[in-house]
């Protein structure tokens, strides 16, 4: 495994571990998701550059577009929960209550 592959895979794994173990606030979960998407974007972009094919060049931009949609949806949920519940702690959220 090259150092570049190791750094991107370790960044993805660290983001996943942060999402799994530090789930107290919704904002920290969103930041871990964004870190995972950023590492995936950079790894996919370098993979497309390594193959030098035009077919692979659209995949990083598509991933970046989905990542932006995920970020905007997450921030909208963060604002909505902060307005209704007064906090962004994930322990206070209950899906069974409306």
PDB file of N, CA and C in Angstrom:
ATOM      1  N   UNK A   1       0.850  -1.175   0.000  1.00  0.00           N
ATOM      2  CA  UNK A   1       0.000   0.000   0.000  1.00  0.00           C
ATOM      3  C   UNK A   1       0.898   1.241   0.000  1.00  0.00           C
ATOM      4  N   UNK A   2       0.638   2.136  -0.912  1.00  0.00           N
ATOM      5  CA  UNK A   2       1.444   3.349  -1.006  1.00  0.00           C
ATOM      6  C   UNK A   2       1.058   4.310   0.121  1.00  0.00           C
ATOM      7  N   UNK A   3       1.926   5.265   0.419  1.00  0.00           N
ATOM      8  CA  UNK A   3       1.590   6.232   1.484  1.00  0.00           C
ATOM      9  C   UNK A   3       0.347   7.072   1.172  1.00  0.00           C
ATOM     10  N   UNK A   4       0.101   7.334  -0.114  1.00  0.00           N
ATOM     11  CA  UNK A   4      -1.090   8.112  -0.477  1.00  0.00           C
ATOM     12  C   UNK A   4      -2.354   7.306  -0.185  1.00  0.00           C
ATOM     13  N   UNK A   5      -2.353   6.033  -0.572  1.00  0.00           N
ATOM     14  CA  UNK A   5      -3.511   5.180  -0.286  1.00  0.00           C
ATOM     15  C   UNK A   5      -3.700   4.991   1.216  1.00  0.00           C
ATOM     16  N   UNK A   6      -2.597   4.869   1.929  1.00  0.00           N
ATOM     17  CA  UNK A   6      -2.687   4.707   3.379  1.00  0.00           C
ATOM     18  C   UNK A   6      -3.280   5.941   4.039  1.00  0.00           C
ATOM     19  N   UNK A   7      -2.880   7.124   3.583  1.00  0.00           N
ATOM     20  CA  UNK A   7      -3.385   8.348   4.216  1.00  0.00           C
ATOM     21  C   UNK A   7      -4.870   8.537   3.953  1.00  0.00           C
ATOM     22  N   UNK A   8      -5.330   8.232   2.745  1.00  0.00           N
ATOM     23  CA  UNK A   8      -6.756   8.404   2.467  1.00  0.00           C
ATOM     24  C   UNK A   8      -7.601   7.334   3.136  1.00  0.00           C
ATOM     25  N   UNK A   9      -7.090   6.118   3.179  1.00  0.00           N
ATOM     26  CA  UNK A   9      -7.858   5.075   3.873  1.00  0.00           C
ATOM     27  C   UNK A   9      -7.878   5.308   5.381  1.00  0.00           C
ATOM     28  N   UNK A  10      -6.772   5.806   5.932  1.00  0.00           N
ATOM     29  CA  UNK A  10      -6.778   6.111   7.367  1.00  0.00           C
ATOM     30  C   UNK A  10      -7.665   7.312   7.677  1.00  0.00           C
ATOM     31  N   UNK A  11      -7.742   8.305   6.775  1.00  0.00           N
ATOM     32  CA  UNK A  11      -8.653   9.433   6.988  1.00  0.00           C
ATOM     33  C   UNK A  11     -10.095   8.978   6.948  1.00  0.00           C
ATOM     34  N   UNK A  12     -10.425   8.063   6.045  1.00  0.00           N
ATOM     35  CA  UNK A  12     -11.787   7.534   5.978  1.00  0.00           C
ATOM     36  C   UNK A  12     -12.117   6.719   7.223  1.00  0.00           C
ATOM     37  N   UNK A  13     -11.183   5.900   7.669  1.00  0.00           N
ATOM     38  CA  UNK A  13     -11.420   5.068   8.843  1.00  0.00           C
ATOM     39  C   UNK A  13     -11.522   5.926  10.108  1.00  0.00           C
ATOM     40  N   UNK A  14     -10.718   6.981  10.198  1.00  0.00           N
ATOM     41  CA  UNK A  14     -10.830   7.886  11.344  1.00  0.00           C
ATOM     42  C   UNK A  14     -12.177   8.606  11.360  1.00  0.00           C
ATOM     43  N   UNK A  15     -12.660   9.001  10.196  1.00  0.00           N
ATOM     44  CA  UNK A  15     -13.985   9.609  10.127  1.00  0.00           C
ATOM     45  C   UNK A  15     -15.075   8.639  10.529  1.00  0.00           C
ATOM     46  N   UNK A  16     -14.924   7.377  10.113  1.00  0.00           N
ATOM     47  CA  UNK A  16     -15.914   6.367  10.481  1.00  0.00           C
ATOM     48  C   UNK A  16     -15.868   6.068  11.975  1.00  0.00           C
ATOM     49  N   UNK A  17     -14.666   6.035  12.544  1.00  0.00           N
ATOM     50  CA  UNK A  17     -14.553   5.805  13.985  1.00  0.00           C
ATOM     51  C   UNK A  17     -15.118   6.981  14.773  1.00  0.00           C
ATOM     52  N   UNK A  18     -14.883   8.192  14.292  1.00  0.00           N
ATOM     53  CA  UNK A  18     -15.462   9.358  14.944  1.00  0.00           C
ATOM     54  C   UNK A  18     -16.973   9.351  14.882  1.00  0.00           C
ATOM     55  N   UNK A  19     -17.517   8.880  13.760  1.00  0.00           N
ATOM     56  CA  UNK A  19     -18.965   8.786  13.636  1.00  0.00           C
ATOM     57  C   UNK A  19     -19.534   7.699  14.537  1.00  0.00           C
ATOM     58  N   UNK A  20     -18.785   6.635  14.727  1.00  0.00           N
ATOM     59  CA  UNK A  20     -19.274   5.519  15.540  1.00  0.00           C
ATOM     60  C   UNK A  20     -19.146   5.786  17.039  1.00  0.00           C
ATOM     61  N   UNK A  21     -18.086   6.454  17.460  1.00  0.00           N
ATOM     62  CA  UNK A  21     -17.822   6.582  18.896  1.00  0.00           C
ATOM     63  C   UNK A  21     -18.190   7.926  19.503  1.00  0.00           C
ATOM     64  N   UNK A  22     -18.225   8.987  18.720  1.00  0.00           N
ATOM     65  CA  UNK A  22     -18.495  10.320  19.263  1.00  0.00           C
ATOM     66  C   UNK A  22     -19.811  10.848  18.704  1.00  0.00           C
ATOM     67  N   UNK A  23     -20.893  10.187  19.053  1.00  0.00           N
ATOM     68  CA  UNK A  23     -22.200  10.553  18.540  1.00  0.00           C
ATOM     69  C   UNK A  23     -22.997  11.346  19.561  1.00  0.00           C
ATOM     70  N   UNK A  24     -22.405  12.312  20.203  1.00  0.00           N
ATOM     71  CA  UNK A  24     -23.155  13.082  21.183  1.00  0.00           C
ATOM     72  C   UNK A  24     -23.903  14.233  20.529  1.00  0.00           C
ATOM     73  N   UNK A  25     -23.299  14.905  19.584  1.00  0.00           N
ATOM     74  CA  UNK A  25     -23.922  16.059  18.933  1.00  0.00           C
ATOM     75  C   UNK A  25     -24.111  15.764  17.447  1.00  0.00           C
ATOM     76  N   UNK A  26     -25.152  16.334  16.903  1.00  0.00           N
ATOM     77  CA  UNK A  26     -25.420  16.162  15.475  1.00  0.00           C
ATOM     78  C   UNK A  26     -24.362  16.853  14.638  1.00  0.00           C
ATOM     79  N   UNK A  27     -23.828  17.951  15.107  1.00  0.00           N
ATOM     80  CA  UNK A  27     -22.803  18.666  14.359  1.00  0.00           C
ATOM     81  C   UNK A  27     -21.519  17.848  14.234  1.00  0.00           C
ATOM     82  N   UNK A  28     -21.129  17.145  15.288  1.00  0.00           N
ATOM     83  CA  UNK A  28     -19.934  16.309  15.199  1.00  0.00           C
ATOM     84  C   UNK A  28     -20.145  15.129  14.258  1.00  0.00           C
ATOM     85  N   UNK A  29     -21.357  14.585  14.219  1.00  0.00           N
ATOM     86  CA  UNK A  29     -21.655  13.509  13.274  1.00  0.00           C
ATOM     87  C   UNK A  29     -21.599  14.019  11.841  1.00  0.00           C
ATOM     88  N   UNK A  30     -22.105  15.228  11.616  1.00  0.00           N
ATOM     89  CA  UNK A  30     -22.046  15.803  10.276  1.00  0.00           C
ATOM     90  C   UNK A  30     -20.616  16.097   9.850  1.00  0.00           C
ATOM     91  N   UNK A  31     -19.790  16.547  10.776  1.00  0.00           N
ATOM     92  CA  UNK A  31     -18.386  16.805  10.446  1.00  0.00           C
ATOM     93  C   UNK A  31     -17.641  15.517  10.119  1.00  0.00           C
ATOM     94  N   UNK A  32     -17.945  14.446  10.827  1.00  0.00           N
ATOM     95  CA  UNK A  32     -17.325  13.155  10.509  1.00  0.00           C
ATOM     96  C   UNK A  32     -17.758  12.660   9.138  1.00  0.00           C
ATOM     97  N   UNK A  33     -19.031  12.845   8.801  1.00  0.00           N
ATOM     98  CA  UNK A  33     -19.501  12.470   7.473  1.00  0.00           C
ATOM     99  C   UNK A  33     -18.828  13.286   6.382  1.00  0.00           C
ATOM    100  N   UNK A  34     -18.624  14.567   6.627  1.00  0.00           N
ATOM    101  CA  UNK A  34     -17.956  15.411   5.638  1.00  0.00           C
ATOM    102  C   UNK A  34     -16.485  15.032   5.476  1.00  0.00           C
ATOM    103  N   UNK A  35     -15.841  14.655   6.572  1.00  0.00           N
ATOM    104  CA  UNK A  35     -14.458  14.188   6.467  1.00  0.00           C
ATOM    105  C   UNK A  35     -14.350  12.906   5.671  1.00  0.00           C
ATOM    106  N   UNK A  36     -15.316  12.014   5.863  1.00  0.00           N
ATOM    107  CA  UNK A  36     -15.330  10.774   5.086  1.00  0.00           C
ATOM    108  C   UNK A  36     -15.549  11.065   3.602  1.00  0.00           C
ATOM    109  N   UNK A  37     -16.470  11.964   3.298  1.00  0.00           N
ATOM    110  CA  UNK A  37     -16.736  12.304   1.899  1.00  0.00           C
ATOM    111  C   UNK A  37     -15.559  13.022   1.258  1.00  0.00           C
ATOM    112  N   UNK A  38     -14.867  13.851   2.022  1.00  0.00           N
ATOM    113  CA  UNK A  38     -13.700  14.542   1.475  1.00  0.00           C
ATOM    114  C   UNK A  38     -12.583  13.564   1.147  1.00  0.00           C
ATOM    115  N   UNK A  39     -12.357  12.594   2.022  1.00  0.00           N
ATOM    116  CA  UNK A  39     -11.320  11.609   1.735  1.00  0.00           C
ATOM    117  C   UNK A  39     -11.704  10.738   0.543  1.00  0.00           C
ATOM    118  N   UNK A  40     -12.993  10.396   0.422  1.00  0.00           N
ATOM    119  CA  UNK A  40     -13.446   9.645  -0.748  1.00  0.00           C
ATOM    120  C   UNK A  40     -13.303  10.452  -2.029  1.00  0.00           C
ATOM    121  N   UNK A  41     -13.609  11.747  -1.969  1.00  0.00           N
ATOM    122  CA  UNK A  41     -13.486  12.597  -3.153  1.00  0.00           C
ATOM    123  C   UNK A  41     -12.041  12.697  -3.622  1.00  0.00           C
ATOM    124  N   UNK A  42     -11.124  12.933  -2.696  1.00  0.00           N
ATOM    125  CA  UNK A  42      -9.722  13.075  -3.088  1.00  0.00           C
ATOM    126  C   UNK A  42      -9.169  11.753  -3.601  1.00  0.00           C
ATOM    127  N   UNK A  43      -9.540  10.651  -2.960  1.00  0.00           N
ATOM    128  CA  UNK A  43      -9.069   9.345  -3.429  1.00  0.00           C
ATOM    129  C   UNK A  43      -9.631   9.017  -4.803  1.00  0.00           C
ATOM    130  N   UNK A  44     -10.896   9.333  -5.038  1.00  0.00           N
ATOM    131  CA  UNK A  44     -11.501   9.063  -6.339  1.00  0.00           C
ATOM    132  C   UNK A  44     -10.931   9.974  -7.422  1.00  0.00           C
ATOM    133  N   UNK A  45     -10.619  11.213  -7.064  1.00  0.00           N
ATOM    134  CA  UNK A  45     -10.009  12.123  -8.034  1.00  0.00           C
ATOM    135  C   UNK A  45      -8.601  11.671  -8.404  1.00  0.00           C
ATOM    136  N   UNK A  46      -7.837  11.226  -7.423  1.00  0.00           N
ATOM    137  CA  UNK A  46      -6.497  10.719  -7.742  1.00  0.00           C
ATOM    138  C   UNK A  46      -6.552   9.425  -8.530  1.00  0.00           C
ATOM    139  N   UNK A  47      -7.562   8.614  -8.273  1.00  0.00           N
ATOM    140  CA  UNK A  47      -7.739   7.385  -9.032  1.00  0.00           C
ATOM    141  C   UNK A  47      -8.072   7.692 -10.486  1.00  0.00           C
ATOM    142  N   UNK A  48      -8.915   8.709 -10.712  1.00  0.00           N
ATOM    143  CA  UNK A  48      -9.254   9.107 -12.081  1.00  0.00           C
ATOM    144  C   UNK A  48      -8.044   9.702 -12.792  1.00  0.00           C
ATOM    145  N   UNK A  49      -7.223  10.438 -12.076  1.00  0.00           N
ATOM    146  CA  UNK A  49      -6.005  10.983 -12.685  1.00  0.00           C
ATOM    147  C   UNK A  49      -4.991   9.893 -12.987  1.00  0.00           C
ATOM    148  N   UNK A  50      -4.972   8.873 -12.184  1.00  0.00           N
ATOM    149  CA  UNK A  50      -4.022   7.783 -12.385  1.00  0.00           C
ATOM    150  C   UNK A  50      -4.365   6.974 -13.636  1.00  0.00           C
ATOM    151  N   UNK A  51      -5.638   6.781 -13.918  1.00  0.00           N
ATOM    152  CA  UNK A  51      -6.038   6.023 -15.099  1.00  0.00           C
ATOM    153  C   UNK A  51      -6.038   6.862 -16.371  1.00  0.00           C
ATOM    154  N   UNK A  52      -6.084   8.185 -16.252  1.00  0.00           N
ATOM    155  CA  UNK A  52      -6.073   9.124 -17.378  1.00  0.00           C
ATOM    156  C   UNK A  52      -7.155   8.802 -18.403  1.00  0.00           C
ATOM    157  N   UNK A  53      -8.331   8.493 -17.905  1.00  0.00           N
ATOM    158  CA  UNK A  53      -9.457   8.183 -18.768  1.00  0.00           C
ATOM    159  C   UNK A  53     -10.545   9.218 -18.557  1.00  0.00           C
ATOM    160  N   UNK A  54     -11.227   9.581 -19.630  1.00  0.00           N
ATOM    161  CA  UNK A  54     -12.292  10.584 -19.500  1.00  0.00           C
ATOM    162  C   UNK A  54     -13.548   9.986 -18.878  1.00  0.00           C
ATOM    163  N   UNK A  55     -13.694   8.680 -18.918  1.00  0.00           N
ATOM    164  CA  UNK A  55     -14.862   8.046 -18.321  1.00  0.00           C
ATOM    165  C   UNK A  55     -14.865   8.122 -16.815  1.00  0.00           C
ATOM    166  N   UNK A  56     -13.687   8.127 -16.196  1.00  0.00           N
ATOM    167  CA  UNK A  56     -13.593   8.190 -14.742  1.00  0.00           C
ATOM    168  C   UNK A  56     -13.554   9.615 -14.207  1.00  0.00           C
ATOM    169  N   UNK A  57     -13.457  10.600 -15.083  1.00  0.00           N
ATOM    170  CA  UNK A  57     -13.288  11.971 -14.609  1.00  0.00           C
ATOM    171  C   UNK A  57     -14.574  12.581 -14.077  1.00  0.00           C
ATOM    172  N   UNK A  58     -15.723  12.036 -14.435  1.00  0.00           N
ATOM    173  CA  UNK A  58     -16.978  12.605 -13.932  1.00  0.00           C
ATOM    174  C   UNK A  58     -17.357  12.053 -12.564  1.00  0.00           C
ATOM    175  N   UNK A  59     -16.800  10.941 -12.175  1.00  0.00           N
ATOM    176  CA  UNK A  59     -17.163  10.324 -10.891  1.00  0.00           C
ATOM    177  C   UNK A  59     -16.825  11.205  -9.687  1.00  0.00           C
ATOM    178  N   UNK A  60     -15.647  11.850  -9.629  1.00  0.00           N
ATOM    179  CA  UNK A  60     -15.395  12.726  -8.460  1.00  0.00           C
ATOM    180  C   UNK A  60     -16.343  13.918  -8.387  1.00  0.00           C
ATOM    181  N   UNK A  61     -16.712  14.472  -9.526  1.00  0.00           N
ATOM    182  CA  UNK A  61     -17.634  15.608  -9.500  1.00  0.00           C
ATOM    183  C   UNK A  61     -19.036  15.180  -9.086  1.00  0.00           C
ATOM    184  N   UNK A  62     -19.448  13.982  -9.488  1.00  0.00           N
ATOM    185  CA  UNK A  62     -20.736  13.462  -9.063  1.00  0.00           C
ATOM    186  C   UNK A  62     -20.748  13.206  -7.558  1.00  0.00           C
ATOM    187  N   UNK A  63     -19.653  12.666  -7.036  1.00  0.00           N
ATOM    188  CA  UNK A  63     -19.540  12.448  -5.594  1.00  0.00           C
ATOM    189  C   UNK A  63     -19.539  13.770  -4.840  1.00  0.00           C
ATOM    190  N   UNK A  64     -18.892  14.771  -5.401  1.00  0.00           N
ATOM    191  CA  UNK A  64     -18.873  16.089  -4.770  1.00  0.00           C
ATOM    192  C   UNK A  64     -20.260  16.717  -4.762  1.00  0.00           C
ATOM    193  N   UNK A  65     -21.037  16.505  -5.813  1.00  0.00           N
ATOM    194  CA  UNK A  65     -22.403  17.028  -5.848  1.00  0.00           C
ATOM    195  C   UNK A  65     -23.277  16.338  -4.805  1.00  0.00           C
ATOM    196  N   UNK A  66     -23.155  15.016  -4.683  1.00  0.00           N
ATOM    197  CA  UNK A  66     -23.919  14.306  -3.661  1.00  0.00           C
ATOM    198  C   UNK A  66     -23.465  14.697  -2.264  1.00  0.00           C
ATOM    199  N   UNK A  67     -22.196  14.978  -2.100  1.00  0.00           N
ATOM    200  CA  UNK A  67     -21.688  15.406  -0.801  1.00  0.00           C
ATOM    201  C   UNK A  67     -22.239  16.781  -0.425  1.00  0.00           C
ATOM    202  N   UNK A  68     -22.353  17.668  -1.398  1.00  0.00           N
ATOM    203  CA  UNK A  68     -22.933  18.989  -1.123  1.00  0.00           C
ATOM    204  C   UNK A  68     -24.410  18.870  -0.759  1.00  0.00           C
ATOM    205  N   UNK A  69     -25.125  17.979  -1.437  1.00  0.00           N
ATOM    206  CA  UNK A  69     -26.536  17.754  -1.089  1.00  0.00           C
ATOM    207  C   UNK A  69     -26.672  17.167   0.307  1.00  0.00           C
ATOM    208  N   UNK A  70     -25.778  16.246   0.649  1.00  0.00           N
ATOM    209  CA  UNK A  70     -25.793  15.648   1.988  1.00  0.00           C
ATOM    210  C   UNK A  70     -25.499  16.692   3.055  1.00  0.00           C
ATOM    211  N   UNK A  71     -24.567  17.585   2.772  1.00  0.00           N
ATOM    212  CA  UNK A  71     -24.210  18.625   3.737  1.00  0.00           C
ATOM    213  C   UNK A  71     -25.356  19.616   3.932  1.00  0.00           C
ATOM    214  N   UNK A  72     -26.008  19.995   2.855  1.00  0.00           N
ATOM    215  CA  UNK A  72     -27.116  20.946   2.996  1.00  0.00           C
ATOM    216  C   UNK A  72     -28.300  20.317   3.723  1.00  0.00           C
ATOM    217  N   UNK A  73     -28.567  19.050   3.457  1.00  0.00           N
ATOM    218  CA  UNK A  73     -29.638  18.364   4.172  1.00  0.00           C
ATOM    219  C   UNK A  73     -29.305  18.216   5.648  1.00  0.00           C
ATOM    220  N   UNK A  74     -28.065  17.905   5.949  1.00  0.00           N
ATOM    221  CA  UNK A  74     -27.643  17.779   7.338  1.00  0.00           C
ATOM    222  C   UNK A  74     -27.730  19.088   8.090  1.00  0.00           C
ATOM    223  N   UNK A  75     -27.339  20.176   7.444  1.00  0.00           N
ATOM    224  CA  UNK A  75     -27.434  21.475   8.106  1.00  0.00           C
ATOM    225  C   UNK A  75     -28.883  21.908   8.290  1.00  0.00           C
ATOM    226  N   UNK A  76     -29.739  21.563   7.326  1.00  0.00           N
ATOM    227  CA  UNK A  76     -31.156  21.878   7.487  1.00  0.00           C
ATOM    228  C   UNK A  76     -31.751  21.093   8.657  1.00  0.00           C
ATOM    229  N   UNK A  77     -31.372  19.833   8.791  1.00  0.00           N
ATOM    230  CA  UNK A  77     -31.832  19.040   9.939  1.00  0.00           C
ATOM    231  C   UNK A  77     -31.267  19.574  11.243  1.00  0.00           C
ATOM    232  N   UNK A  78     -30.032  20.052  11.218  1.00  0.00           N
ATOM    233  CA  UNK A  78     -29.430  20.627  12.419  1.00  0.00           C
ATOM    234  C   UNK A  78     -30.180  21.871  12.865  1.00  0.00           C
ATOM    235  N   UNK A  79     -30.516  22.738  11.930  1.00  0.00           N
ATOM    236  CA  UNK A  79     -31.259  23.951  12.271  1.00  0.00           C
ATOM    237  C   UNK A  79     -32.661  23.609  12.758  1.00  0.00           C
ATOM    238  N   UNK A  80     -33.300  22.636  12.101  1.00  0.00           N
ATOM    239  CA  UNK A  80     -34.658  22.261  12.506  1.00  0.00           C
ATOM    240  C   UNK A  80     -34.679  21.646  13.904  1.00  0.00           C
ATOM    241  N   UNK A  81     -33.716  20.792  14.216  1.00  0.00           N
ATOM    242  CA  UNK A  81     -33.690  20.193  15.558  1.00  0.00           C
ATOM    243  C   UNK A  81     -33.279  21.208  16.607  1.00  0.00           C
ATOM    244  N   UNK A  82     -32.414  22.133  16.255  1.00  0.00           N
ATOM    245  CA  UNK A  82     -32.037  23.159  17.229  1.00  0.00           C
ATOM    246  C   UNK A  82     -33.211  24.078  17.536  1.00  0.00           C
ATOM    247  N   UNK A  83     -34.047  24.326  16.541  1.00  0.00           N
ATOM    248  CA  UNK A  83     -35.219  25.173  16.789  1.00  0.00           C
ATOM    249  C   UNK A  83     -36.288  24.453  17.593  1.00  0.00           C
ATOM    250  N   UNK A  84     -36.516  23.187  17.301  1.00  0.00           N
ATOM    251  CA  UNK A  84     -37.609  22.488  17.987  1.00  0.00           C
ATOM    252  C   UNK A  84     -37.199  21.967  19.353  1.00  0.00           C
ATOM    253  N   UNK A  85     -35.996  21.428  19.475  1.00  0.00           N
ATOM    254  CA  UNK A  85     -35.557  20.816  20.729  1.00  0.00           C
ATOM    255  C   UNK A  85     -34.656  21.714  21.564  1.00  0.00           C
ATOM    256  N   UNK A  86     -34.086  22.748  20.968  1.00  0.00           N
ATOM    257  CA  UNK A  86     -33.219  23.651  21.707  1.00  0.00           C
ATOM    258  C   UNK A  86     -31.773  23.196  21.792  1.00  0.00           C
ATOM    259  N   UNK A  87     -31.459  22.030  21.289  1.00  0.00           N
ATOM    260  CA  UNK A  87     -30.094  21.512  21.333  1.00  0.00           C
ATOM    261  C   UNK A  87     -29.889  20.569  20.161  1.00  0.00           C
ATOM    262  N   UNK A  88     -28.616  20.246  19.904  1.00  0.00           N
ATOM    263  CA  UNK A  88     -28.323  19.313  18.817  1.00  0.00           C
ATOM    264  C   UNK A  88     -27.813  17.974  19.345  1.00  0.00           C
ATOM    265  N   UNK A  89     -28.050  17.725  20.611  1.00  0.00           N
ATOM    266  CA  UNK A  89     -27.636  16.440  21.184  1.00  0.00           C
ATOM    267  C   UNK A  89     -28.495  15.324  20.614  1.00  0.00           C
ATOM    268  N   UNK A  90     -27.852  14.254  20.209  1.00  0.00           N
ATOM    269  CA  UNK A  90     -28.565  13.150  19.581  1.00  0.00           C
ATOM    270  C   UNK A  90     -29.356  12.316  20.587  1.00  0.00           C
ATOM    271  N   UNK A  91     -29.018  12.414  21.870  1.00  0.00           N
ATOM    272  CA  UNK A  91     -29.755  11.648  22.873  1.00  0.00           C
ATOM    273  C   UNK A  91     -31.148  12.233  23.123  1.00  0.00           C
ATOM    274  N   UNK A  92     -31.325  13.508  22.824  1.00  0.00           N
ATOM    275  CA  UNK A  92     -32.620  14.135  23.045  1.00  0.00           C
ATOM    276  C   UNK A  92     -33.596  13.885  21.906  1.00  0.00           C
ATOM    277  N   UNK A  93     -33.098  13.375  20.790  1.00  0.00           N
ATOM    278  CA  UNK A  93     -33.975  13.138  19.639  1.00  0.00           C
ATOM    279  C   UNK A  93     -34.647  11.771  19.782  1.00  0.00           C
ATOM    280  N   UNK A  94     -35.935  11.750  19.537  1.00  0.00           N
ATOM    281  CA  UNK A  94     -36.700  10.517  19.604  1.00  0.00           C
ATOM    282  C   UNK A  94     -37.545  10.455  18.354  1.00  0.00           C
ATOM    283  N   UNK A  95     -37.381   9.406  17.560  1.00  0.00           N
ATOM    284  CA  UNK A  95     -38.132   9.294  16.316  1.00  0.00           C
ATOM    285  C   UNK A  95     -39.584   8.924  16.542  1.00  0.00           C
ATOM    286  N   UNK A  96     -39.912   8.406  17.704  1.00  0.00           N
ATOM    287  CA  UNK A  96     -41.281   7.994  17.975  1.00  0.00           C
ATOM    288  C   UNK A  96     -42.160   9.165  18.384  1.00  0.00           C
ATOM    289  N   UNK A  97     -41.537  10.274  18.807  1.00  0.00           N
ATOM    290  CA  UNK A  97     -42.292  11.471  19.168  1.00  0.00           C
ATOM    291  C   UNK A  97     -42.337  12.407  17.976  1.00  0.00           C
ATOM    292  N   UNK A  98     -43.454  13.100  17.841  1.00  0.00           N
ATOM    293  CA  UNK A  98     -43.559  14.100  16.777  1.00  0.00           C
ATOM    294  C   UNK A  98     -43.677  15.487  17.375  1.00  0.00           C
TER     295      UNK A  98
END
